[in-house]
Amino acid sequence: MNSLYRIGGLLAALLLSVNVYAGDVSAEGAWSRATAPGQDAAMVDVTITSKQAATLVGFSSPACKSAELHSMTHEGGVMKMREVKEIALPAGQRVNLGESGYHLMLLGLKAPLKAGEDVPLTLNVRLANKRIVKIEAKAAVKPLTEAKAAPQDGGHMHHNHH
């Protein structure tokens, strides 16, 4: 009977340690823009902080059919987006994806994003010990006209996928 208590205690300690690790990573300030009629994709910006070196390896959302991590660069005056498999999260540093040249991409939206709504996100973060933790976040949907850097062509975004 003592061995059962030991195993139970060990399992409880392991389960509690997962929560401690998940607490080492936080996501805040997630937001996206409301979508225009017919638009079936949207970008999400978020700031992620990890107490230990970690890597964002993916994300999901029930609001879309698929979700990708993207890098964004300007080459010859054209914005180019490329899917990336992971984004480094250095220990103790706030990483704002937008400022770092990255964003989350919601593809195949199941419904338009409307200002004032929240989009649920699940971020998949690989810690240094290779454990994957899931961070739940919500992206606030801002009005289409409210933007940090408003597109100059009336809100339509053009990008090349490679």
Protein backbone atom coordinates (compact mmCIF):
# COMPACT_ATOMS: atom_id res chain seq x y z
CA MET A 1 0.00 0.00 0.00
CA ASN A 2 2.91 2.37 0.73
CA SER A 3 4.17 1.97 -2.85
CA LEU A 4 0.76 3.08 -4.15
CA TYR A 5 0.98 6.27 -2.09
CA ARG A 6 4.50 6.87 -3.38
CA ILE A 7 3.40 6.41 -7.00
CA GLY A 8 0.39 8.66 -6.42
CA GLY A 9 2.59 11.32 -4.84
CA LEU A 10 5.06 11.09 -7.72
CA LEU A 11 2.25 11.44 -10.28
CA ALA A 12 0.82 14.43 -8.42
CA ALA A 13 4.26 16.08 -8.35
CA LEU A 14 4.70 15.49 -12.09
CA LEU A 15 1.27 16.93 -12.87
CA LEU A 16 1.92 19.98 -10.71
CA SER A 17 5.29 20.58 -12.37
CA VAL A 18 3.57 20.90 -15.77
CA ASN A 19 1.54 23.83 -14.41
CA VAL A 20 4.68 25.47 -13.06
CA TYR A 21 6.33 25.24 -16.49
CA ALA A 22 3.23 26.60 -18.23
CA GLY A 23 3.36 29.51 -15.78
CA ASP A 24 6.84 30.32 -17.11
CA VAL A 25 5.35 31.40 -20.45
CA SER A 26 2.75 34.13 -20.90
CA ALA A 27 1.01 35.71 -23.86
CA GLU A 28 -0.49 39.18 -23.73
CA GLY A 29 -1.83 41.94 -25.93
CA ALA A 30 -2.99 39.60 -28.71
CA TRP A 31 -5.03 41.40 -31.36
CA SER A 32 -6.23 41.21 -34.93
CA ARG A 33 -8.20 43.48 -37.25
CA ALA A 34 -11.82 42.96 -38.23
CA THR A 35 -12.01 41.34 -41.66
CA ALA A 36 -13.37 42.94 -44.82
CA PRO A 37 -16.20 41.19 -46.70
CA GLY A 38 -14.89 38.09 -48.46
CA GLN A 39 -11.57 38.07 -46.56
CA ASP A 40 -10.80 34.56 -45.32
CA ALA A 41 -7.44 35.16 -43.64
CA ALA A 42 -6.24 37.41 -40.83
CA MET A 43 -2.99 38.27 -39.06
CA VAL A 44 -2.64 38.18 -35.28
CA ASP A 45 0.00 40.03 -33.28
CA VAL A 46 0.87 38.95 -29.73
CA THR A 47 3.61 39.49 -27.15
CA ILE A 48 5.07 36.35 -25.56
CA THR A 49 7.36 36.24 -22.54
CA SER A 50 9.14 33.10 -21.37
CA LYS A 51 11.16 32.90 -18.16
CA GLN A 52 13.32 30.22 -19.77
CA ALA A 53 14.57 29.81 -23.34
CA ALA A 54 11.69 28.40 -25.37
CA THR A 55 10.37 28.21 -28.92
CA LEU A 56 6.94 28.94 -30.35
CA VAL A 57 6.34 25.88 -32.55
CA GLY A 58 2.75 26.44 -33.64
CA PHE A 59 -0.72 27.54 -32.67
CA SER A 60 -4.35 26.77 -33.36
CA SER A 61 -7.72 28.49 -33.21
CA PRO A 62 -11.26 27.19 -33.60
CA ALA A 63 -11.93 30.34 -35.69
CA CYS A 64 -10.02 29.01 -38.71
CA LYS A 65 -9.30 25.87 -40.71
CA SER A 66 -5.52 26.18 -40.40
CA ALA A 67 -2.99 28.33 -38.59
CA GLU A 68 0.59 29.20 -39.54
CA LEU A 69 3.55 31.08 -38.09
CA HIS A 70 4.80 33.67 -40.60
CA SER A 71 7.82 35.92 -41.03
CA MET A 72 7.38 39.23 -42.77
CA THR A 73 10.07 41.07 -44.70
CA HIS A 74 10.18 43.93 -47.17
CA GLU A 75 12.15 43.14 -50.31
CA GLY A 76 12.34 45.68 -53.11
CA GLY A 77 9.35 47.59 -51.76
CA VAL A 78 7.16 44.45 -51.60
CA MET A 79 6.02 42.84 -48.35
CA LYS A 80 6.80 39.12 -48.44
CA MET A 81 5.38 36.60 -46.01
CA ARG A 82 6.82 33.15 -45.50
CA GLU A 83 5.70 30.35 -43.26
CA VAL A 84 8.22 29.47 -40.56
CA LYS A 85 8.24 26.35 -38.41
CA GLU A 86 9.26 28.07 -35.17
CA ILE A 87 10.01 31.38 -33.49
CA ALA A 88 12.69 31.66 -30.78
CA LEU A 89 11.63 33.02 -27.38
CA PRO A 90 14.82 34.05 -25.52
CA ALA A 91 14.73 33.65 -21.74
CA GLY A 92 13.36 36.65 -19.88
CA GLN A 93 12.67 38.75 -23.01
CA ARG A 94 9.32 40.08 -24.17
CA VAL A 95 8.93 39.08 -27.81
CA ASN A 96 6.36 41.13 -29.70
CA LEU A 97 5.83 39.13 -32.86
CA GLY A 98 4.93 42.17 -35.00
CA GLU A 99 8.00 44.15 -33.92
CA SER A 100 10.17 41.06 -34.47
CA GLY A 101 8.96 40.59 -38.06
CA TYR A 102 6.59 37.73 -37.30
CA HIS A 103 2.86 37.18 -36.93
CA LEU A 104 0.31 34.43 -36.53
CA MET A 105 -1.81 33.76 -39.61
CA LEU A 106 -5.41 32.54 -39.38
CA LEU A 107 -6.25 30.82 -42.69
CA GLY A 108 -9.67 29.69 -43.87
CA LEU A 109 -11.68 31.77 -41.41
CA LYS A 110 -14.95 30.05 -40.53
CA ALA A 111 -16.68 33.42 -39.98
CA PRO A 112 -15.71 37.08 -40.41
CA LEU A 113 -13.79 38.66 -37.52
CA LYS A 114 -15.92 41.43 -36.04
CA ALA A 115 -14.66 44.35 -33.96
CA GLY A 116 -15.23 43.84 -30.25
CA GLU A 117 -15.05 40.05 -30.45
CA ASP A 118 -12.25 37.84 -29.17
CA VAL A 119 -10.55 35.07 -31.13
CA PRO A 120 -9.43 32.13 -28.96
CA LEU A 121 -5.85 30.96 -29.55
CA THR A 122 -3.81 28.03 -28.26
CA LEU A 123 -0.07 28.67 -28.55
CA ASN A 124 2.24 25.63 -28.60
CA VAL A 125 5.56 26.41 -26.92
CA ARG A 126 8.49 23.99 -26.70
CA LEU A 127 10.54 24.51 -23.55
CA ALA A 128 14.28 23.85 -23.26
CA ASN A 129 13.55 20.39 -21.83
CA LYS A 130 11.59 19.60 -25.05
CA ARG A 131 8.26 19.62 -23.22
CA ILE A 132 5.44 21.29 -25.17
CA VAL A 133 3.14 23.56 -23.17
CA LYS A 134 -0.11 25.01 -24.46
CA ILE A 135 -0.83 28.66 -23.65
CA GLU A 136 -4.43 29.82 -23.97
CA ALA A 137 -4.92 33.39 -25.18
CA LYS A 138 -7.59 35.57 -26.75
CA ALA A 139 -6.94 38.02 -29.58
CA ALA A 140 -9.06 41.18 -29.35
CA VAL A 141 -10.53 42.12 -32.72
CA LYS A 142 -10.03 45.83 -33.48
CA PRO A 143 -12.05 47.83 -36.01
CA LEU A 144 -10.76 47.62 -39.57
CA THR A 145 -10.05 51.37 -39.54
CA GLU A 146 -7.96 51.21 -36.33
CA ALA A 147 -4.46 50.11 -37.13
CA LYS A 148 -0.89 50.69 -36.03
CA ALA A 149 0.23 50.93 -39.65
CA ALA A 150 -2.84 51.30 -41.83
CA PRO A 151 -2.47 49.96 -45.37
CA GLN A 152 -2.45 52.74 -47.96
CA ASP A 153 -4.82 51.01 -50.37
CA GLY A 154 -8.07 51.19 -48.47
CA GLY A 155 -7.48 48.24 -46.19
CA HIS A 156 -6.63 45.56 -48.74
CA MET A 157 -3.44 43.73 -47.96
CA HIS A 158 -1.27 42.29 -50.71
CA HIS A 159 1.38 39.76 -49.93
CA ASN A 160 3.32 37.06 -51.67
CA HIS A 161 3.45 33.60 -50.15
CA HIS A 162 6.61 31.63 -50.88
